[in-house]
Amino acid sequence: MAAENLKKSTVYEPKKQHLATLSLAALGVVFGDIGTSPIYAIRECFHGEYGIVATPANVLGVLSLMFWALTIIVSLKYLTFILQADNNG
């Protein structure tokens, strides 16, 4: 009887908490990608086949777009997903 109880207790059964933990970890990967993508986008705006001329107005416009993309997208996703996570404490 004791061996049966031991066998039942060692069987792994996935829980919804594990899915939530993995989802939260995946968000970290996504936020890391979002955080570095604008850096490469700035470089590509001024170089390459379709690059724009690097005038002061264009530089300010591209920097403004990148700043607001980082601020709005990352902040809103952080507020909606990460702050809503319940860590039991």
C-alpha atoms as a PDB file:
ATOM      1  CA  MET A   1       0.000   0.000   0.000  1.00  0.00           C
ATOM      2  CA  ALA A   2       2.821   2.418   0.853  1.00  0.00           C
ATOM      3  CA  ALA A   3       4.539   1.687  -2.467  1.00  0.00           C
ATOM      4  CA  GLU A   4       1.356   2.580  -4.376  1.00  0.00           C
ATOM      5  CA  ASN A   5       1.053   5.905  -2.541  1.00  0.00           C
ATOM      6  CA  LEU A   6       4.698   6.700  -3.265  1.00  0.00           C
ATOM      7  CA  LYS A   7       4.264   5.862  -6.935  1.00  0.00           C
ATOM      8  CA  LYS A   8       1.193   8.089  -7.237  1.00  0.00           C
ATOM      9  CA  SER A   9       2.903  11.021  -5.544  1.00  0.00           C
ATOM     10  CA  THR A  10       5.952  10.958  -7.840  1.00  0.00           C
ATOM     11  CA  VAL A  11       3.954  11.101 -11.077  1.00  0.00           C
ATOM     12  CA  TYR A  12       4.306  14.521 -12.678  1.00  0.00           C
ATOM     13  CA  GLU A  13       1.048  16.193 -13.562  1.00  0.00           C
ATOM     14  CA  PRO A  14       1.283  19.526 -15.392  1.00  0.00           C
ATOM     15  CA  LYS A  15      -0.541  22.414 -13.759  1.00  0.00           C
ATOM     16  CA  LYS A  16      -1.860  25.678 -15.093  1.00  0.00           C
ATOM     17  CA  GLN A  17       0.681  27.483 -12.940  1.00  0.00           C
ATOM     18  CA  HIS A  18       3.485  26.009 -15.059  1.00  0.00           C
ATOM     19  CA  LEU A  19       1.853  27.370 -18.205  1.00  0.00           C
ATOM     20  CA  ALA A  20       1.607  30.790 -16.589  1.00  0.00           C
ATOM     21  CA  THR A  21       5.263  30.636 -15.549  1.00  0.00           C
ATOM     22  CA  LEU A  22       6.377  29.713 -19.059  1.00  0.00           C
ATOM     23  CA  SER A  23       4.198  32.442 -20.537  1.00  0.00           C
ATOM     24  CA  LEU A  24       5.751  35.010 -18.231  1.00  0.00           C
ATOM     25  CA  ALA A  25       9.236  33.826 -19.205  1.00  0.00           C
ATOM     26  CA  ALA A  26       8.293  34.098 -22.889  1.00  0.00           C
ATOM     27  CA  LEU A  27       7.254  37.706 -22.311  1.00  0.00           C
ATOM     28  CA  GLY A  28      10.791  38.430 -21.163  1.00  0.00           C
ATOM     29  CA  VAL A  29      12.122  37.145 -24.464  1.00  0.00           C
ATOM     30  CA  VAL A  30       9.631  39.246 -26.412  1.00  0.00           C
ATOM     31  CA  PHE A  31      10.377  42.397 -24.415  1.00  0.00           C
ATOM     32  CA  GLY A  32      14.092  41.866 -24.945  1.00  0.00           C
ATOM     33  CA  ASP A  33      13.529  41.682 -28.683  1.00  0.00           C
ATOM     34  CA  ILE A  34      11.294  44.748 -28.700  1.00  0.00           C
ATOM     35  CA  GLY A  35      13.843  46.653 -26.656  1.00  0.00           C
ATOM     36  CA  THR A  36      16.695  46.124 -29.117  1.00  0.00           C
ATOM     37  CA  SER A  37      14.842  46.197 -32.444  1.00  0.00           C
ATOM     38  CA  PRO A  38      14.566  50.007 -32.656  1.00  0.00           C
ATOM     39  CA  ILE A  39      18.337  50.306 -32.353  1.00  0.00           C
ATOM     40  CA  TYR A  40      18.753  48.337 -35.574  1.00  0.00           C
ATOM     41  CA  ALA A  41      15.841  50.164 -37.183  1.00  0.00           C
ATOM     42  CA  ILE A  42      17.532  53.533 -36.614  1.00  0.00           C
ATOM     43  CA  ARG A  43      20.613  52.334 -38.470  1.00  0.00           C
ATOM     44  CA  GLU A  44      18.554  50.993 -41.370  1.00  0.00           C
ATOM     45  CA  CYS A  45      16.552  54.213 -41.759  1.00  0.00           C
ATOM     46  CA  PHE A  46      19.587  56.106 -43.007  1.00  0.00           C
ATOM     47  CA  HIS A  47      21.479  53.378 -44.877  1.00  0.00           C
ATOM     48  CA  GLY A  48      20.671  50.947 -47.613  1.00  0.00           C
ATOM     49  CA  GLU A  49      18.690  51.148 -50.807  1.00  0.00           C
ATOM     50  CA  TYR A  50      15.672  52.920 -49.304  1.00  0.00           C
ATOM     51  CA  GLY A  51      17.477  55.035 -46.704  1.00  0.00           C
ATOM     52  CA  ILE A  52      16.437  58.628 -46.125  1.00  0.00           C
ATOM     53  CA  VAL A  53      18.747  61.638 -46.167  1.00  0.00           C
ATOM     54  CA  ALA A  54      20.216  62.347 -42.731  1.00  0.00           C
ATOM     55  CA  THR A  55      18.957  65.899 -42.280  1.00  0.00           C
ATOM     56  CA  PRO A  56      18.344  67.269 -38.778  1.00  0.00           C
ATOM     57  CA  ALA A  57      14.575  67.031 -39.294  1.00  0.00           C
ATOM     58  CA  ASN A  58      14.762  63.397 -40.466  1.00  0.00           C
ATOM     59  CA  VAL A  59      17.043  62.395 -37.594  1.00  0.00           C
ATOM     60  CA  LEU A  60      14.714  64.034 -35.080  1.00  0.00           C
ATOM     61  CA  GLY A  61      11.701  62.368 -36.688  1.00  0.00           C
ATOM     62  CA  VAL A  62      13.254  58.889 -36.611  1.00  0.00           C
ATOM     63  CA  LEU A  63      14.444  59.324 -33.018  1.00  0.00           C
ATOM     64  CA  SER A  64      10.988  60.535 -32.031  1.00  0.00           C
ATOM     65  CA  LEU A  65       9.333  57.515 -33.639  1.00  0.00           C
ATOM     66  CA  MET A  66      11.730  55.130 -31.922  1.00  0.00           C
ATOM     67  CA  PHE A  67      11.319  56.820 -28.539  1.00  0.00           C
ATOM     68  CA  TRP A  68       7.540  56.677 -28.652  1.00  0.00           C
ATOM     69  CA  ALA A  69       7.546  53.133 -29.994  1.00  0.00           C
ATOM     70  CA  LEU A  70       9.655  52.022 -27.038  1.00  0.00           C
ATOM     71  CA  THR A  71       7.700  54.069 -24.527  1.00  0.00           C
ATOM     72  CA  ILE A  72       4.194  53.181 -25.604  1.00  0.00           C
ATOM     73  CA  ILE A  73       4.565  49.574 -26.727  1.00  0.00           C
ATOM     74  CA  VAL A  74       6.841  48.347 -23.964  1.00  0.00           C
ATOM     75  CA  SER A  75       5.076  50.290 -21.220  1.00  0.00           C
ATOM     76  CA  LEU A  76       1.601  49.199 -22.234  1.00  0.00           C
ATOM     77  CA  LYS A  77       2.610  45.576 -22.610  1.00  0.00           C
ATOM     78  CA  TYR A  78       4.426  45.718 -19.287  1.00  0.00           C
ATOM     79  CA  LEU A  79       1.378  47.203 -17.585  1.00  0.00           C
ATOM     80  CA  THR A  80      -1.099  44.799 -19.145  1.00  0.00           C
ATOM     81  CA  PHE A  81       0.820  41.533 -18.855  1.00  0.00           C
ATOM     82  CA  ILE A  82       3.523  41.617 -16.225  1.00  0.00           C
ATOM     83  CA  LEU A  83       1.771  43.688 -13.594  1.00  0.00           C
ATOM     84  CA  GLN A  84      -1.310  41.491 -13.934  1.00  0.00           C
ATOM     85  CA  ALA A  85       0.682  38.347 -13.097  1.00  0.00           C
ATOM     86  CA  ASP A  86      -0.134  36.888  -9.686  1.00  0.00           C
ATOM     87  CA  ASN A  87       3.008  35.663  -7.983  1.00  0.00           C
ATOM     88  CA  ASN A  88       1.204  34.602  -4.791  1.00  0.00           C
ATOM     89  CA  GLY A  89       2.821  37.227  -2.683  1.00  0.00           C
END
